N, C-alpha and C. Protein backbone atom coordinates (compact mmCIF):
# COMPACT_ATOMS: atom_id res chain seq x y z
N UNK A 1 76.42 -63.65 0.69
CA UNK A 1 77.66 -64.13 -0.50
C UNK A 1 78.92 -62.95 -1.13
N UNK A 2 78.19 -61.86 -1.06
CA UNK A 2 78.52 -60.78 -2.12
C UNK A 2 79.64 -60.25 -0.74
N UNK A 3 79.63 -60.34 0.37
CA UNK A 3 80.55 -59.79 1.73
C UNK A 3 81.50 -60.50 1.64
N UNK A 4 81.36 -62.00 1.54
CA UNK A 4 82.68 -62.91 1.48
C UNK A 4 82.48 -63.37 2.76
N UNK A 5 81.21 -63.62 3.30
CA UNK A 5 81.16 -64.36 5.19
C UNK A 5 80.50 -65.18 5.14
N UNK A 6 80.24 -65.93 5.92
CA UNK A 6 79.03 -66.91 5.98
C UNK A 6 77.94 -66.27 6.58
N UNK A 7 76.83 -67.09 6.56
CA UNK A 7 75.18 -67.06 7.12
C UNK A 7 75.46 -66.49 8.86
N UNK A 8 76.34 -67.46 9.03
CA UNK A 8 76.70 -67.56 10.47
C UNK A 8 77.11 -66.12 11.14
N UNK A 9 77.97 -65.44 9.88
CA UNK A 9 78.80 -63.94 10.56
C UNK A 9 77.71 -62.68 10.25
N UNK A 10 76.74 -63.38 9.53
CA UNK A 10 75.63 -61.97 9.42
C UNK A 10 74.75 -62.13 10.85
N UNK A 11 74.08 -63.52 11.02
CA UNK A 11 73.26 -63.60 12.31
C UNK A 11 73.76 -63.15 13.25
N UNK A 12 75.21 -63.52 13.04
CA UNK A 12 76.13 -63.36 14.69
C UNK A 12 75.90 -61.43 14.77
N UNK A 13 76.02 -60.88 13.69
CA UNK A 13 75.93 -59.44 13.54
C UNK A 13 74.53 -58.65 13.87
N UNK A 14 74.00 -59.31 13.20
CA UNK A 14 72.13 -58.99 13.45
C UNK A 14 71.31 -59.73 14.39
N UNK A 15 71.65 -60.87 14.67
CA UNK A 15 70.82 -61.49 16.21
C UNK A 15 69.80 -62.65 15.48
N UNK A 16 69.48 -61.91 14.50
CA UNK A 16 68.28 -63.08 14.05
C UNK A 16 67.59 -62.08 12.59
N UNK A 17 66.80 -62.77 11.94
CA UNK A 17 66.50 -62.72 10.93
C UNK A 17 65.39 -61.52 10.39
N UNK A 18 64.88 -61.09 11.56
CA UNK A 18 64.14 -60.08 11.87
C UNK A 18 64.96 -58.57 11.77
N UNK A 19 66.14 -58.39 12.82
CA UNK A 19 66.87 -57.38 12.88
C UNK A 19 67.35 -57.40 11.24
N UNK A 20 67.56 -58.23 10.86
CA UNK A 20 68.32 -58.69 9.41
C UNK A 20 67.32 -57.18 8.36
N UNK A 21 66.50 -58.08 8.87
CA UNK A 21 65.28 -57.39 8.02
C UNK A 21 65.34 -55.64 8.23
N UNK A 22 64.71 -55.71 9.36
CA UNK A 22 64.93 -54.01 9.85
C UNK A 22 66.40 -53.40 9.34
N UNK A 23 67.06 -53.98 9.45
CA UNK A 23 68.76 -53.35 8.83
C UNK A 23 68.50 -53.03 7.42
N UNK A 24 68.01 -53.92 6.82
CA UNK A 24 67.94 -53.72 5.10
C UNK A 24 66.67 -52.59 4.79
N UNK A 25 65.66 -52.66 5.33
CA UNK A 25 64.44 -51.68 5.53
C UNK A 25 65.18 -50.30 5.25
N UNK A 26 66.11 -50.10 6.33
CA UNK A 26 66.80 -48.75 7.00
C UNK A 26 67.77 -48.39 5.95
N UNK A 27 68.45 -49.15 5.48
CA UNK A 27 69.08 -49.00 4.37
C UNK A 27 68.72 -49.03 3.41
N UNK A 28 67.29 -49.48 2.96
CA UNK A 28 66.68 -49.32 1.87
C UNK A 28 66.50 -47.73 1.34
N UNK A 29 65.60 -47.95 2.60
CA UNK A 29 64.78 -46.12 2.66
C UNK A 29 66.16 -45.40 2.75
N UNK A 30 67.11 -45.40 3.04
CA UNK A 30 68.68 -44.35 3.34
C UNK A 30 69.11 -44.19 1.93
N UNK A 31 69.40 -45.40 1.31
CA UNK A 31 69.48 -45.21 -0.21
C UNK A 31 68.56 -44.63 -1.17
N UNK A 32 67.07 -44.75 -1.40
CA UNK A 32 66.09 -43.92 -1.98
C UNK A 32 65.79 -42.89 -1.59
N UNK A 33 65.85 -42.50 -0.29
CA UNK A 33 65.37 -41.34 0.09
C UNK A 33 66.29 -40.66 1.15
N UNK A 34 67.38 -39.98 0.98
CA UNK A 34 68.29 -40.42 1.90
C UNK A 34 67.73 -39.30 3.01
N UNK A 35 68.34 -38.98 4.16
CA UNK A 35 67.97 -37.52 4.82
C UNK A 35 68.40 -36.40 4.30
N UNK A 36 69.15 -36.47 3.67
CA UNK A 36 69.90 -35.13 2.96
C UNK A 36 68.66 -34.47 2.21
N UNK A 37 68.07 -35.03 1.61
CA UNK A 37 66.82 -34.47 0.65
C UNK A 37 66.09 -33.65 1.44
N UNK A 38 66.14 -33.74 2.77
CA UNK A 38 65.56 -33.24 3.37
C UNK A 38 65.61 -32.23 4.39
N UNK A 39 66.83 -31.70 3.96
CA UNK A 39 67.52 -30.55 4.13
C UNK A 39 66.94 -29.22 3.53
N UNK A 40 66.49 -28.34 3.78
CA UNK A 40 65.87 -27.34 2.79
C UNK A 40 66.78 -26.42 3.26
N UNK A 41 67.56 -25.88 1.90
CA UNK A 41 68.49 -24.85 1.68
C UNK A 41 67.91 -23.30 1.59
N UNK A 42 68.58 -22.97 2.66
CA UNK A 42 67.97 -21.45 2.16
C UNK A 42 67.34 -21.06 0.57
N UNK A 43 68.25 -21.04 0.31
CA UNK A 43 67.95 -20.59 -1.08
C UNK A 43 67.79 -21.70 -2.41
N UNK A 44 67.01 -22.43 -1.80
CA UNK A 44 65.93 -23.39 -2.14
C UNK A 44 64.59 -23.42 -2.14
N UNK A 45 63.57 -22.95 -3.25
CA UNK A 45 62.07 -23.16 -2.98
C UNK A 45 61.78 -24.46 -2.56
N UNK A 46 60.68 -24.16 -1.48
CA UNK A 46 59.81 -24.86 -0.90
C UNK A 46 59.38 -26.05 -1.82
N UNK A 47 58.98 -25.83 -2.73
CA UNK A 47 58.52 -26.44 -4.42
C UNK A 47 59.04 -27.27 -4.75
N UNK A 48 60.64 -27.36 -4.83
CA UNK A 48 61.52 -28.03 -5.04
C UNK A 48 61.94 -29.19 -4.89
N UNK A 49 61.99 -28.78 -3.16
CA UNK A 49 62.63 -29.95 -2.07
C UNK A 49 61.34 -30.82 -2.09
N UNK A 50 59.70 -30.17 -2.28
CA UNK A 50 58.87 -31.04 -2.08
C UNK A 50 58.85 -31.94 -3.23
N UNK A 51 58.97 -31.28 -3.95
CA UNK A 51 59.12 -31.73 -5.49
C UNK A 51 60.70 -33.46 -5.78
N UNK A 52 61.40 -32.94 -5.11
CA UNK A 52 62.55 -33.86 -5.31
C UNK A 52 62.11 -35.14 -4.26
N UNK A 53 61.60 -34.81 -3.37
CA UNK A 53 60.77 -35.94 -2.31
C UNK A 53 59.78 -36.70 -2.68
N UNK A 54 58.85 -36.36 -3.07
CA UNK A 54 57.95 -36.34 -3.96
C UNK A 54 58.10 -37.78 -4.89
N UNK A 55 58.94 -37.15 -5.79
CA UNK A 55 59.30 -38.50 -6.83
C UNK A 55 60.13 -39.57 -6.23
N UNK A 56 60.90 -38.98 -5.10
CA UNK A 56 61.69 -40.49 -4.52
C UNK A 56 60.48 -41.04 -3.68
N UNK A 57 59.35 -40.86 -3.24
CA UNK A 57 58.68 -41.12 -2.29
C UNK A 57 57.99 -42.36 -3.18
N UNK A 58 57.00 -41.36 -4.00
CA UNK A 58 56.41 -42.27 -5.02
C UNK A 58 57.66 -43.37 -5.54
N UNK A 59 58.57 -43.03 -6.11
CA UNK A 59 59.54 -44.21 -6.93
C UNK A 59 59.68 -45.39 -6.00
N UNK A 60 59.76 -44.90 -4.57
CA UNK A 60 59.38 -46.55 -2.87
C UNK A 60 58.20 -47.12 -3.26
N UNK A 61 56.83 -46.26 -2.72
CA UNK A 61 55.71 -46.77 -2.70
C UNK A 61 55.02 -47.08 -3.50
N UNK A 62 55.57 -47.34 -5.25
CA UNK A 62 54.81 -47.98 -6.48
C UNK A 62 56.13 -49.33 -6.98
N UNK A 63 57.00 -49.13 -6.18
CA UNK A 63 57.64 -49.93 -7.05
C UNK A 63 56.95 -51.40 -6.94
N UNK A 64 58.09 -52.53 -7.59
CA UNK A 64 57.41 -53.74 -7.16
C UNK A 64 57.25 -53.82 -5.85
N UNK A 65 58.40 -53.56 -5.44
CA UNK A 65 58.78 -54.37 -4.27
C UNK A 65 58.25 -53.54 -3.08
N UNK A 66 57.77 -52.52 -2.81
CA UNK A 66 57.33 -51.38 -2.34
C UNK A 66 56.22 -52.22 -2.09
N UNK A 67 55.45 -52.30 -3.14
CA UNK A 67 54.17 -52.79 -3.06
C UNK A 67 54.14 -54.12 -2.29
N UNK A 68 54.94 -54.91 -2.93
CA UNK A 68 54.82 -56.53 -2.37
C UNK A 68 54.58 -56.28 -0.33
N UNK A 69 55.97 -55.45 -0.45
CA UNK A 69 56.45 -55.44 1.40
C UNK A 69 54.91 -55.03 2.06
N UNK A 70 54.55 -53.87 1.06
CA UNK A 70 53.12 -53.29 2.03
C UNK A 70 52.22 -54.33 2.20
N UNK A 71 52.25 -55.14 1.15
CA UNK A 71 50.77 -56.05 1.62
C UNK A 71 51.36 -57.24 1.90
N UNK A 72 52.54 -57.82 1.82
CA UNK A 72 53.12 -58.45 3.11
C UNK A 72 52.77 -58.25 4.89
N UNK A 73 53.20 -56.77 5.28
CA UNK A 73 53.18 -56.30 6.28
C UNK A 73 51.53 -56.23 6.60
N UNK A 74 51.00 -56.06 5.70
CA UNK A 74 49.61 -55.72 6.49
C UNK A 74 48.98 -57.36 6.19
N UNK A 75 49.55 -58.53 5.44
CA UNK A 75 49.09 -59.60 6.13
C UNK A 75 50.24 -60.20 7.09
N UNK A 76 50.48 -59.73 7.99
CA UNK A 76 51.70 -60.34 8.87
C UNK A 76 50.92 -59.14 10.18
N UNK A 77 49.79 -57.90 10.12
CA UNK A 77 50.24 -57.71 11.37
C UNK A 77 49.28 -58.47 12.52
N UNK A 78 48.73 -59.50 12.07
CA UNK A 78 47.99 -60.64 13.33
C UNK A 78 49.08 -61.55 13.56
N UNK A 79 49.76 -61.98 12.65
CA UNK A 79 50.99 -62.73 12.85
C UNK A 79 52.15 -62.86 13.55
N UNK A 80 52.38 -61.86 12.90
CA UNK A 80 53.69 -60.63 14.15
C UNK A 80 53.92 -59.64 13.79
N UNK A 81 52.74 -58.71 15.26
CA UNK A 81 53.11 -57.36 15.14
C UNK A 81 54.26 -56.86 15.33
N UNK A 82 54.99 -57.44 15.95
CA UNK A 82 56.05 -56.72 16.62
C UNK A 82 57.06 -56.46 15.60
N UNK A 83 56.90 -57.67 14.38
CA UNK A 83 57.84 -56.92 12.96
C UNK A 83 57.33 -55.65 12.40
N UNK A 84 56.16 -55.77 12.39
CA UNK A 84 55.22 -54.81 11.67
C UNK A 84 55.40 -53.67 12.26
N UNK A 85 55.83 -53.57 13.25
CA UNK A 85 55.83 -52.33 13.93
C UNK A 85 57.64 -52.04 14.05
N UNK A 86 58.30 -52.59 14.39
CA UNK A 86 59.37 -52.47 13.61
C UNK A 86 59.63 -51.80 12.42
N UNK A 87 59.50 -52.37 11.80
CA UNK A 87 59.36 -52.34 10.31
C UNK A 87 58.18 -50.57 10.14
N UNK A 88 57.96 -50.47 11.00
CA UNK A 88 57.12 -48.99 10.67
C UNK A 88 57.92 -48.13 10.99
N UNK A 89 58.85 -48.28 12.11
CA UNK A 89 59.81 -47.59 12.67
C UNK A 89 60.81 -47.06 11.90
N UNK A 90 61.21 -48.47 11.04
CA UNK A 90 62.78 -48.37 10.20
C UNK A 90 62.25 -47.72 8.75
N UNK A 91 60.93 -47.97 8.53
CA UNK A 91 60.62 -47.18 7.24
C UNK A 91 59.78 -45.77 7.42
N UNK A 92 58.67 -46.10 7.21
CA UNK A 92 57.38 -45.12 6.85
C UNK A 92 58.01 -43.85 8.03
N UNK A 93 58.05 -44.47 9.65
CA UNK A 93 58.12 -43.35 10.78
C UNK A 93 59.51 -42.67 10.38
N UNK A 94 60.32 -43.42 9.82
CA UNK A 94 61.73 -42.40 9.73
C UNK A 94 61.47 -41.01 8.53
N UNK A 95 60.89 -41.37 7.61
CA UNK A 95 60.44 -40.75 6.50
C UNK A 95 59.45 -39.87 7.30
N UNK A 96 58.24 -39.85 8.11
CA UNK A 96 57.66 -39.12 8.10
C UNK A 96 58.26 -38.02 9.62
N UNK A 97 59.54 -38.76 9.89
CA UNK A 97 60.37 -37.43 11.38
C UNK A 97 61.17 -37.09 10.17
N UNK A 98 61.68 -37.45 9.05
CA UNK A 98 62.93 -36.15 8.35
C UNK A 98 61.83 -35.21 7.48
N UNK A 99 60.31 -35.55 6.84
CA UNK A 99 59.33 -34.92 6.65
C UNK A 99 59.15 -33.81 7.64
N UNK A 100 58.98 -34.10 8.81
CA UNK A 100 58.85 -33.30 9.79
C UNK A 100 59.52 -32.02 10.51
N UNK A 101 61.11 -32.56 9.60
CA UNK A 101 62.14 -31.63 10.09
C UNK A 101 61.78 -30.61 8.76
N UNK A 102 61.92 -30.96 7.81
CA UNK A 102 61.85 -30.63 6.26
C UNK A 102 61.22 -29.05 6.65
N UNK A 103 59.65 -29.37 7.28
CA UNK A 103 58.23 -29.05 7.03
C UNK A 103 58.95 -27.99 8.29
N UNK A 104 59.96 -28.36 9.19
CA UNK A 104 60.22 -26.95 10.24
C UNK A 104 60.55 -26.22 10.17
N UNK A 105 62.13 -26.45 9.27
CA UNK A 105 62.58 -25.49 8.57
C UNK A 105 62.23 -24.54 7.57
N UNK A 106 61.32 -25.08 6.67
CA UNK A 106 60.06 -24.33 6.38
C UNK A 106 59.73 -23.10 6.51
N UNK A 107 58.93 -23.86 7.94
CA UNK A 107 58.28 -22.72 8.97
C UNK A 107 59.65 -21.69 9.36
N UNK A 108 60.75 -22.14 9.73
CA UNK A 108 61.89 -20.94 10.10
C UNK A 108 62.00 -20.27 9.21
N UNK A 109 62.39 -20.79 7.98
CA UNK A 109 62.59 -19.98 6.98
C UNK A 109 61.53 -19.10 5.95
N UNK A 110 60.55 -19.05 7.04
CA UNK A 110 59.25 -18.52 6.45
C UNK A 110 58.82 -18.80 4.72
N UNK A 111 58.77 -20.21 4.21
CA UNK A 111 58.61 -20.47 3.10
C UNK A 111 57.43 -20.83 3.41
N UNK A 112 56.79 -21.37 4.53
CA UNK A 112 55.09 -22.00 4.85
C UNK A 112 55.02 -21.50 6.39
N UNK A 113 53.70 -21.50 6.52
CA UNK A 113 53.05 -20.92 7.76
C UNK A 113 52.88 -22.28 8.35
N UNK A 114 53.79 -23.13 9.03
CA UNK A 114 52.68 -24.10 9.71
C UNK A 114 53.31 -24.52 11.23
N UNK A 115 51.82 -24.36 11.84
CA UNK A 115 51.72 -24.36 13.65
C UNK A 115 51.86 -26.16 13.61
N UNK A 116 51.80 -27.11 12.92
CA UNK A 116 52.08 -28.15 13.45
C UNK A 116 52.78 -28.88 12.32
N UNK A 117 54.15 -29.01 12.09
CA UNK A 117 55.03 -29.62 11.29
C UNK A 117 54.18 -31.39 10.89
N UNK A 118 54.39 -31.95 12.64
CA UNK A 118 54.05 -34.00 12.25
C UNK A 118 52.80 -33.82 12.14
N UNK A 119 52.17 -32.88 11.81
CA UNK A 119 50.52 -33.11 11.21
C UNK A 119 50.89 -32.78 9.77
N UNK A 120 51.54 -31.31 9.40
CA UNK A 120 51.75 -31.40 7.67
C UNK A 120 52.34 -32.01 6.95
N UNK A 121 53.20 -32.80 7.76
CA UNK A 121 53.82 -33.78 7.49
C UNK A 121 53.08 -35.16 6.97
N UNK A 122 52.51 -35.47 7.83
CA UNK A 122 51.48 -36.91 7.83
C UNK A 122 50.84 -36.38 6.35
N UNK A 123 50.23 -35.33 6.65
CA UNK A 123 49.09 -34.65 5.51
C UNK A 123 49.87 -35.01 3.90
N UNK A 124 50.89 -34.20 4.10
CA UNK A 124 51.84 -34.33 2.83
C UNK A 124 52.12 -36.16 2.10
N UNK A 125 52.34 -36.76 3.28
CA UNK A 125 52.82 -37.89 2.45
C UNK A 125 51.35 -38.69 2.40
N UNK A 126 50.67 -38.50 2.67
CA UNK A 126 49.30 -39.19 2.86
C UNK A 126 48.45 -38.89 1.37
N UNK A 127 48.89 -37.36 0.97
CA UNK A 127 48.88 -37.14 -0.17
C UNK A 127 48.84 -38.30 -1.26
N UNK A 128 49.86 -38.77 -1.26
CA UNK A 128 50.64 -39.77 -2.13
C UNK A 128 50.05 -41.31 -1.77
N UNK A 129 49.55 -41.42 -0.81
CA UNK A 129 49.60 -42.60 -0.24
C UNK A 129 47.72 -43.00 0.07
N UNK A 130 47.29 -42.30 -0.72
CA UNK A 130 45.71 -42.17 -0.45
C UNK A 130 45.02 -43.32 -1.50
N UNK A 131 43.77 -42.86 -2.02
CA UNK A 131 42.98 -43.74 -2.86
C UNK A 131 43.98 -44.83 -3.82
N UNK A 132 44.26 -43.32 -4.57
CA UNK A 132 45.08 -43.92 -6.16
C UNK A 132 45.90 -45.36 -5.80
N UNK A 133 47.09 -45.22 -4.35
CA UNK A 133 48.14 -46.06 -3.65
C UNK A 133 47.08 -47.14 -3.70
N UNK A 134 45.75 -47.16 -3.05
CA UNK A 134 44.91 -48.10 -2.74
C UNK A 134 44.39 -49.13 -3.75
N UNK A 135 44.34 -48.29 -4.90
CA UNK A 135 43.86 -49.04 -5.84
C UNK A 135 44.98 -49.98 -6.79
N UNK A 136 46.13 -49.31 -6.44
CA UNK A 136 47.36 -50.26 -6.81
C UNK A 136 47.68 -51.31 -5.98
N UNK A 137 47.65 -50.70 -4.85
CA UNK A 137 47.98 -52.07 -3.96
C UNK A 137 46.68 -53.12 -4.28
N UNK A 138 45.34 -52.67 -4.45
CA UNK A 138 44.68 -53.85 -4.80
C UNK A 138 44.84 -54.34 -6.21
N UNK A 139 45.77 -54.05 -6.76
CA UNK A 139 45.36 -54.41 -8.35
C UNK A 139 44.78 -54.16 -9.05
N UNK A 140 43.82 -52.98 -9.02
CA UNK A 140 42.71 -52.51 -9.56
C UNK A 140 42.99 -51.67 -11.26
N UNK A 141 44.48 -51.03 -10.29
CA UNK A 141 45.16 -50.29 -11.67
C UNK A 141 46.78 -50.86 -11.49
N UNK A 142 47.47 -49.92 -12.79
CA UNK A 142 48.78 -50.58 -12.49
C UNK A 142 48.99 -49.14 -12.39
N UNK A 143 50.52 -49.50 -11.48
CA UNK A 143 51.48 -48.38 -11.15
C UNK A 143 51.70 -47.07 -12.01
N UNK A 144 51.31 -46.19 -11.08
CA UNK A 144 51.44 -44.81 -12.38
C UNK A 144 52.83 -44.41 -12.54
N UNK A 145 53.12 -44.17 -14.36
CA UNK A 145 54.18 -43.80 -15.01
C UNK A 145 55.21 -42.79 -14.44
N UNK A 146 56.28 -42.56 -15.42
CA UNK A 146 56.76 -41.71 -14.68
C UNK A 146 56.51 -40.06 -14.98
N UNK A 147 55.89 -39.91 -16.17
CA UNK A 147 54.77 -38.80 -16.45
C UNK A 147 53.97 -38.48 -15.63
N UNK A 148 52.97 -39.48 -15.27
CA UNK A 148 51.65 -39.48 -14.35
C UNK A 148 52.26 -39.07 -12.71
N UNK A 149 53.20 -39.62 -12.68
CA UNK A 149 54.39 -39.73 -11.07
C UNK A 149 54.45 -37.70 -10.69
N UNK A 150 55.33 -37.82 -11.77
CA UNK A 150 55.61 -36.15 -12.13
C UNK A 150 54.64 -35.17 -11.82
N UNK A 151 53.28 -35.78 -12.73
CA UNK A 151 52.13 -34.51 -12.34
C UNK A 151 51.29 -34.80 -11.66
N UNK A 152 51.33 -36.13 -10.82
CA UNK A 152 50.67 -36.08 -9.23
C UNK A 152 51.90 -35.20 -8.52
N UNK A 153 53.12 -35.03 -8.40
CA UNK A 153 53.69 -34.39 -7.73
C UNK A 153 53.49 -33.02 -7.79
N UNK A 154 53.57 -32.68 -9.09
CA UNK A 154 53.17 -30.73 -9.33
C UNK A 154 51.63 -30.82 -8.43
N UNK A 155 50.68 -31.54 -8.44
CA UNK A 155 49.16 -30.94 -8.35
C UNK A 155 49.05 -31.80 -6.76
N UNK A 156 49.81 -31.96 -6.33
CA UNK A 156 49.88 -32.38 -4.69
C UNK A 156 50.82 -31.06 -4.15
N UNK A 157 51.38 -31.16 -4.52
CA UNK A 157 52.52 -29.81 -4.06
C UNK A 157 51.46 -28.46 -4.05
N UNK A 158 50.91 -27.96 -5.18
CA UNK A 158 50.27 -27.12 -5.62
C UNK A 158 49.23 -27.16 -4.61
N UNK A 159 48.93 -28.03 -4.16
CA UNK A 159 47.63 -28.15 -3.10
C UNK A 159 47.78 -28.32 -1.51
N UNK A 160 49.06 -28.71 -1.64
CA UNK A 160 50.03 -28.30 -0.13
C UNK A 160 50.33 -26.83 0.49
N UNK A 161 51.17 -26.38 -0.66
CA UNK A 161 51.63 -24.67 -0.38
C UNK A 161 50.46 -23.97 -0.15
N UNK A 162 49.50 -24.84 -1.09
CA UNK A 162 48.21 -23.21 -1.04
C UNK A 162 47.27 -23.43 0.87
N UNK A 163 47.40 -24.79 1.06
CA UNK A 163 46.92 -24.74 2.44
C UNK A 163 48.08 -24.21 3.29
N UNK A 164 49.31 -23.59 2.99
CA UNK A 164 50.28 -23.32 4.10
C UNK A 164 50.77 -22.39 3.64
N UNK A 165 50.22 -21.73 2.35
CA UNK A 165 51.32 -20.15 2.06
C UNK A 165 51.51 -19.21 3.15
N UNK A 166 52.58 -18.78 3.16
CA UNK A 166 52.39 -17.65 4.04
C UNK A 166 51.89 -16.11 3.42
N UNK A 167 51.05 -15.64 4.56
CA UNK A 167 50.34 -14.50 4.06
C UNK A 167 51.22 -13.44 5.06
């Protein structure tokens, strides 16, 4: 409606609902966590870059929409595994790719000593998607507030940087 076009026009462009859904996921991720956030400027401290990413990342994974989408994708694994696979590629895999690139830049700039940037990227993102996130997904706890997310970011970054500090 906002675009002033019909449903038919939208479906002609995206072919089907699944492609429209994936395009919406990509757009949402690009808006909330743009690829430019993963560019490590030579004069930027690695902790600053990681902090900015972790705050935006937590905003995504702890948002009402993010939690509901995560639950939905888990429930869809048996019914529509291709949709789940496409979702993963459009969202989590893209974030991982960008995070890997940032850590490669940190290695090149000698800000961190990382031999496997993809593994390190998975480790970093997993610090935010572990036990605490599961408790929120299962509605055992409420999502952390902004101050808690900031503290979580500082704690996880300190832990991560200690693991990969250049010596």
